[in-house]
Amino acid sequence: MPITETHELHKRRFGRNLGVALCLVGFCAIVFGLTIAKIRQGSQMEAFDHQPRVSITPPVETDQ
């Protein structure tokens, strides 16, 4: 026996679920964007210490 009428509660629940879904999609978009930004700048980092690579930094001239 299917439900033929939608109750007011179902409309409110749908609105809340839609809001939560949009927040989740927004959060995923932020995490994805930060991941892409970090990957693009990752070539300048070495291992897990996130220190700049000495091999690609410009040489520093010392006065001697």
PDB file of N, CA and C in Angstrom:
ATOM      1  N   MET A   1       0.841  -1.171   0.000  1.00  0.00           N
ATOM      2  CA  MET A   1       0.000   0.000   0.000  1.00  0.00           C
ATOM      3  C   MET A   1       0.894   1.245   0.000  1.00  0.00           C
ATOM      4  N   PRO A   2       1.035   1.884  -1.139  1.00  0.00           N
ATOM      5  CA  PRO A   2       1.927   3.047  -1.226  1.00  0.00           C
ATOM      6  C   PRO A   2       1.332   4.284  -0.550  1.00  0.00           C
ATOM      7  N   ILE A   3       2.227   5.135  -0.108  1.00  0.00           N
ATOM      8  CA  ILE A   3       1.800   6.400   0.490  1.00  0.00           C
ATOM      9  C   ILE A   3       1.498   7.366  -0.654  1.00  0.00           C
ATOM     10  N   THR A   4       0.300   7.871  -0.692  1.00  0.00           N
ATOM     11  CA  THR A   4      -0.101   8.745  -1.798  1.00  0.00           C
ATOM     12  C   THR A   4       0.108  10.215  -1.481  1.00  0.00           C
ATOM     13  N   GLU A   5      -0.014  10.582  -0.227  1.00  0.00           N
ATOM     14  CA  GLU A   5       0.142  11.990   0.149  1.00  0.00           C
ATOM     15  C   GLU A   5       1.492  12.193   0.829  1.00  0.00           C
ATOM     16  N   THR A   6       2.119  13.302   0.523  1.00  0.00           N
ATOM     17  CA  THR A   6       3.352  13.641   1.232  1.00  0.00           C
ATOM     18  C   THR A   6       2.998  14.557   2.393  1.00  0.00           C
ATOM     19  N   HIS A   7       3.511  14.200   3.512  1.00  0.00           N
ATOM     20  CA  HIS A   7       3.240  14.969   4.722  1.00  0.00           C
ATOM     21  C   HIS A   7       4.187  16.166   4.780  1.00  0.00           C
ATOM     22  N   GLU A   8       3.828  17.157   5.559  1.00  0.00           N
ATOM     23  CA  GLU A   8       4.650  18.357   5.720  1.00  0.00           C
ATOM     24  C   GLU A   8       6.017  18.005   6.304  1.00  0.00           C
ATOM     25  N   LEU A   9       6.046  16.965   7.118  1.00  0.00           N
ATOM     26  CA  LEU A   9       7.300  16.512   7.716  1.00  0.00           C
ATOM     27  C   LEU A   9       8.281  16.033   6.641  1.00  0.00           C
ATOM     28  N   HIS A  10       7.761  15.377   5.608  1.00  0.00           N
ATOM     29  CA  HIS A  10       8.625  14.891   4.535  1.00  0.00           C
ATOM     30  C   HIS A  10       9.253  16.054   3.769  1.00  0.00           C
ATOM     31  N   LYS A  11       8.519  17.118   3.587  1.00  0.00           N
ATOM     32  CA  LYS A  11       9.050  18.290   2.888  1.00  0.00           C
ATOM     33  C   LYS A  11      10.166  18.939   3.704  1.00  0.00           C
ATOM     34  N   ARG A  12       9.956  19.046   5.013  1.00  0.00           N
ATOM     35  CA  ARG A  12      10.993  19.633   5.863  1.00  0.00           C
ATOM     36  C   ARG A  12      12.232  18.745   5.901  1.00  0.00           C
ATOM     37  N   ARG A  13      12.027  17.445   5.989  1.00  0.00           N
ATOM     38  CA  ARG A  13      13.155  16.520   6.029  1.00  0.00           C
ATOM     39  C   ARG A  13      13.944  16.578   4.724  1.00  0.00           C
ATOM     40  N   PHE A  14      13.238  16.689   3.605  1.00  0.00           N
ATOM     41  CA  PHE A  14      13.919  16.800   2.315  1.00  0.00           C
ATOM     42  C   PHE A  14      14.765  18.067   2.271  1.00  0.00           C
ATOM     43  N   GLY A  15      14.221  19.166   2.785  1.00  0.00           N
ATOM     44  CA  GLY A  15      14.979  20.418   2.809  1.00  0.00           C
ATOM     45  C   GLY A  15      16.235  20.309   3.654  1.00  0.00           C
ATOM     46  N   ARG A  16      16.123  19.656   4.788  1.00  0.00           N
ATOM     47  CA  ARG A  16      17.294  19.473   5.653  1.00  0.00           C
ATOM     48  C   ARG A  16      18.322  18.554   5.003  1.00  0.00           C
ATOM     49  N   ASN A  17      17.833  17.480   4.406  1.00  0.00           N
ATOM     50  CA  ASN A  17      18.750  16.555   3.731  1.00  0.00           C
ATOM     51  C   ASN A  17      19.459  17.241   2.572  1.00  0.00           C
ATOM     52  N   LEU A  18      18.748  18.085   1.863  1.00  0.00           N
ATOM     53  CA  LEU A  18      19.357  18.818   0.759  1.00  0.00           C
ATOM     54  C   LEU A  18      20.429  19.778   1.281  1.00  0.00           C
ATOM     55  N   GLY A  19      20.149  20.435   2.396  1.00  0.00           N
ATOM     56  CA  GLY A  19      21.136  21.333   2.998  1.00  0.00           C
ATOM     57  C   GLY A  19      22.386  20.599   3.445  1.00  0.00           C
ATOM     58  N   VAL A  20      22.208  19.446   4.065  1.00  0.00           N
ATOM     59  CA  VAL A  20      23.354  18.646   4.506  1.00  0.00           C
ATOM     60  C   VAL A  20      24.143  18.142   3.298  1.00  0.00           C
ATOM     61  N   ALA A  21      23.439  17.740   2.250  1.00  0.00           N
ATOM     62  CA  ALA A  21      24.114  17.263   1.038  1.00  0.00           C
ATOM     63  C   ALA A  21      24.934  18.381   0.397  1.00  0.00           C
ATOM     64  N   LEU A  22      24.387  19.587   0.351  1.00  0.00           N
ATOM     65  CA  LEU A  22      25.124  20.711  -0.229  1.00  0.00           C
ATOM     66  C   LEU A  22      26.354  21.062   0.609  1.00  0.00           C
ATOM     67  N   CYS A  23      26.218  20.992   1.927  1.00  0.00           N
ATOM     68  CA  CYS A  23      27.379  21.240   2.799  1.00  0.00           C
ATOM     69  C   CYS A  23      28.459  20.181   2.577  1.00  0.00           C
ATOM     70  N   LEU A  24      28.054  18.933   2.426  1.00  0.00           N
ATOM     71  CA  LEU A  24      29.010  17.857   2.189  1.00  0.00           C
ATOM     72  C   LEU A  24      29.718  18.029   0.849  1.00  0.00           C
ATOM     73  N   VAL A  25      28.973  18.396  -0.175  1.00  0.00           N
ATOM     74  CA  VAL A  25      29.573  18.630  -1.488  1.00  0.00           C
ATOM     75  C   VAL A  25      30.536  19.812  -1.423  1.00  0.00           C
ATOM     76  N   GLY A  26      30.160  20.870  -0.700  1.00  0.00           N
ATOM     77  CA  GLY A  26      31.048  22.018  -0.544  1.00  0.00           C
ATOM     78  C   GLY A  26      32.332  21.651   0.182  1.00  0.00           C
ATOM     79  N   PHE A  27      32.214  20.861   1.230  1.00  0.00           N
ATOM     80  CA  PHE A  27      33.394  20.417   1.973  1.00  0.00           C
ATOM     81  C   PHE A  27      34.308  19.577   1.087  1.00  0.00           C
ATOM     82  N   CYS A  28      33.718  18.672   0.320  1.00  0.00           N
ATOM     83  CA  CYS A  28      34.517  17.839  -0.596  1.00  0.00           C
ATOM     84  C   CYS A  28      35.212  18.701  -1.644  1.00  0.00           C
ATOM     85  N   ALA A  29      34.539  19.741  -2.123  1.00  0.00           N
ATOM     86  CA  ALA A  29      35.143  20.632  -3.117  1.00  0.00           C
ATOM     87  C   ALA A  29      36.329  21.386  -2.517  1.00  0.00           C
ATOM     88  N   ILE A  30      36.205  21.819  -1.268  1.00  0.00           N
ATOM     89  CA  ILE A  30      37.313  22.517  -0.606  1.00  0.00           C
ATOM     90  C   ILE A  30      38.507  21.585  -0.428  1.00  0.00           C
ATOM     91  N   VAL A  31      38.254  20.366   0.044  1.00  0.00           N
ATOM     92  CA  VAL A  31      39.345  19.401   0.235  1.00  0.00           C
ATOM     93  C   VAL A  31      39.995  19.063  -1.103  1.00  0.00           C
ATOM     94  N   PHE A  32      39.192  18.888  -2.145  1.00  0.00           N
ATOM     95  CA  PHE A  32      39.729  18.588  -3.472  1.00  0.00           C
ATOM     96  C   PHE A  32      40.585  19.749  -3.974  1.00  0.00           C
ATOM     97  N   GLY A  33      40.097  20.977  -3.796  1.00  0.00           N
ATOM     98  CA  GLY A  33      40.852  22.148  -4.236  1.00  0.00           C
ATOM     99  C   GLY A  33      42.175  22.290  -3.505  1.00  0.00           C
ATOM    100  N   LEU A  34      42.164  22.064  -2.199  1.00  0.00           N
ATOM    101  CA  LEU A  34      43.411  22.136  -1.436  1.00  0.00           C
ATOM    102  C   LEU A  34      44.380  21.034  -1.850  1.00  0.00           C
ATOM    103  N   THR A  35      43.850  19.865  -2.151  1.00  0.00           N
ATOM    104  CA  THR A  35      44.699  18.763  -2.601  1.00  0.00           C
ATOM    105  C   THR A  35      45.358  19.095  -3.930  1.00  0.00           C
ATOM    106  N   ILE A  36      44.596  19.634  -4.855  1.00  0.00           N
ATOM    107  CA  ILE A  36      45.147  20.003  -6.159  1.00  0.00           C
ATOM    108  C   ILE A  36      46.205  21.097  -5.999  1.00  0.00           C
ATOM    109  N   ALA A  37      45.941  22.080  -5.142  1.00  0.00           N
ATOM    110  CA  ALA A  37      46.913  23.153  -4.922  1.00  0.00           C
ATOM    111  C   ALA A  37      48.203  22.601  -4.318  1.00  0.00           C
ATOM    112  N   LYS A  38      48.079  21.650  -3.418  1.00  0.00           N
ATOM    113  CA  LYS A  38      49.271  21.083  -2.796  1.00  0.00           C
ATOM    114  C   LYS A  38      50.050  20.220  -3.788  1.00  0.00           C
ATOM    115  N   ILE A  39      49.341  19.505  -4.655  1.00  0.00           N
ATOM    116  CA  ILE A  39      50.019  18.680  -5.657  1.00  0.00           C
ATOM    117  C   ILE A  39      50.801  19.561  -6.623  1.00  0.00           C
ATOM    118  N   ARG A  40      50.223  20.690  -7.009  1.00  0.00           N
ATOM    119  CA  ARG A  40      50.913  21.574  -7.953  1.00  0.00           C
ATOM    120  C   ARG A  40      52.175  22.164  -7.354  1.00  0.00           C
ATOM    121  N   GLN A  41      52.187  22.406  -6.053  1.00  0.00           N
ATOM    122  CA  GLN A  41      53.368  22.969  -5.405  1.00  0.00           C
ATOM    123  C   GLN A  41      54.259  21.887  -4.806  1.00  0.00           C
ATOM    124  N   GLY A  42      53.878  20.643  -4.952  1.00  0.00           N
ATOM    125  CA  GLY A  42      54.608  19.538  -4.339  1.00  0.00           C
ATOM    126  C   GLY A  42      55.954  19.265  -4.946  1.00  0.00           C
ATOM    127  N   SER A  43      56.204  19.734  -6.161  1.00  0.00           N
ATOM    128  CA  SER A  43      57.500  19.478  -6.784  1.00  0.00           C
ATOM    129  C   SER A  43      58.620  20.221  -6.075  1.00  0.00           C
ATOM    130  N   GLN A  44      58.277  21.217  -5.298  1.00  0.00           N
ATOM    131  CA  GLN A  44      59.290  21.979  -4.563  1.00  0.00           C
ATOM    132  C   GLN A  44      59.521  21.409  -3.167  1.00  0.00           C
ATOM    133  N   MET A  45      58.813  20.340  -2.829  1.00  0.00           N
ATOM    134  CA  MET A  45      58.950  19.761  -1.497  1.00  0.00           C
ATOM    135  C   MET A  45      59.623  18.404  -1.588  1.00  0.00           C
ATOM    136  N   GLU A  46      60.244  18.028  -0.512  1.00  0.00           N
ATOM    137  CA  GLU A  46      61.003  16.793  -0.492  1.00  0.00           C
ATOM    138  C   GLU A  46      60.550  15.943   0.687  1.00  0.00           C
ATOM    139  N   ALA A  47      60.216  14.703   0.438  1.00  0.00           N
ATOM    140  CA  ALA A  47      59.825  13.718   1.447  1.00  0.00           C
ATOM    141  C   ALA A  47      58.643  14.202   2.283  1.00  0.00           C
ATOM    142  N   PHE A  48      58.615  13.791   3.525  1.00  0.00           N
ATOM    143  CA  PHE A  48      57.483  14.119   4.389  1.00  0.00           C
ATOM    144  C   PHE A  48      57.761  15.309   5.299  1.00  0.00           C
ATOM    145  N   ASP A  49      58.954  15.868   5.232  1.00  0.00           N
ATOM    146  CA  ASP A  49      59.279  16.978   6.123  1.00  0.00           C
ATOM    147  C   ASP A  49      58.860  18.328   5.559  1.00  0.00           C
ATOM    148  N   HIS A  50      58.451  18.352   4.303  1.00  0.00           N
ATOM    149  CA  HIS A  50      57.952  19.567   3.656  1.00  0.00           C
ATOM    150  C   HIS A  50      58.957  20.714   3.712  1.00  0.00           C
ATOM    151  N   GLN A  51      60.206  20.385   3.508  1.00  0.00           N
ATOM    152  CA  GLN A  51      61.253  21.389   3.441  1.00  0.00           C
ATOM    153  C   GLN A  51      61.587  21.645   1.974  1.00  0.00           C
ATOM    154  N   PRO A  52      61.931  22.874   1.615  1.00  0.00           N
ATOM    155  CA  PRO A  52      62.312  23.147   0.217  1.00  0.00           C
ATOM    156  C   PRO A  52      63.548  22.336  -0.177  1.00  0.00           C
ATOM    157  N   ARG A  53      63.569  21.902  -1.419  1.00  0.00           N
ATOM    158  CA  ARG A  53      64.714  21.140  -1.913  1.00  0.00           C
ATOM    159  C   ARG A  53      65.923  22.052  -2.074  1.00  0.00           C
ATOM    160  N   VAL A  54      67.028  21.622  -1.547  1.00  0.00           N
ATOM    161  CA  VAL A  54      68.263  22.384  -1.673  1.00  0.00           C
ATOM    162  C   VAL A  54      68.738  22.349  -3.119  1.00  0.00           C
ATOM    163  N   SER A  55      68.446  21.278  -3.815  1.00  0.00           N
ATOM    164  CA  SER A  55      68.932  21.128  -5.186  1.00  0.00           C
ATOM    165  C   SER A  55      68.258  22.094  -6.158  1.00  0.00           C
ATOM    166  N   ILE A  56      67.073  22.623  -5.828  1.00  0.00           N
ATOM    167  CA  ILE A  56      66.406  23.528  -6.763  1.00  0.00           C
ATOM    168  C   ILE A  56      66.395  24.975  -6.286  1.00  0.00           C
ATOM    169  N   THR A  57      66.912  25.228  -5.104  1.00  0.00           N
ATOM    170  CA  THR A  57      66.973  26.609  -4.629  1.00  0.00           C
ATOM    171  C   THR A  57      68.155  27.308  -5.285  1.00  0.00           C
ATOM    172  N   PRO A  58      68.039  28.600  -5.537  1.00  0.00           N
ATOM    173  CA  PRO A  58      69.147  29.314  -6.178  1.00  0.00           C
ATOM    174  C   PRO A  58      70.360  29.369  -5.247  1.00  0.00           C
ATOM    175  N   PRO A  59      71.551  29.304  -5.819  1.00  0.00           N
ATOM    176  CA  PRO A  59      72.757  29.340  -4.981  1.00  0.00           C
ATOM    177  C   PRO A  59      72.911  30.701  -4.297  1.00  0.00           C
ATOM    178  N   VAL A  60      73.379  30.660  -3.084  1.00  0.00           N
ATOM    179  CA  VAL A  60      73.611  31.875  -2.311  1.00  0.00           C
ATOM    180  C   VAL A  60      75.097  32.183  -2.360  1.00  0.00           C
ATOM    181  N   GLU A  61      75.417  33.381  -2.804  1.00  0.00           N
ATOM    182  CA  GLU A  61      76.820  33.781  -2.887  1.00  0.00           C
ATOM    183  C   GLU A  61      77.254  34.354  -1.547  1.00  0.00           C
ATOM    184  N   THR A  62      78.366  33.884  -1.085  1.00  0.00           N
ATOM    185  CA  THR A  62      78.908  34.394   0.174  1.00  0.00           C
ATOM    186  C   THR A  62      80.117  35.267  -0.132  1.00  0.00           C
ATOM    187  N   ASP A  63      80.274  36.322   0.623  1.00  0.00           N
ATOM    188  CA  ASP A  63      81.413  37.228   0.445  1.00  0.00           C
ATOM    189  C   ASP A  63      82.587  36.709   1.267  1.00  0.00           C
ATOM    190  N   GLN A  64      83.654  36.319   0.573  1.00  0.00           N
ATOM    191  CA  GLN A  64      84.843  35.820   1.284  1.00  0.00           C
ATOM    192  C   GLN A  64      86.075  36.504   0.793  1.00  0.00           C
TER     193      GLN A  64
END
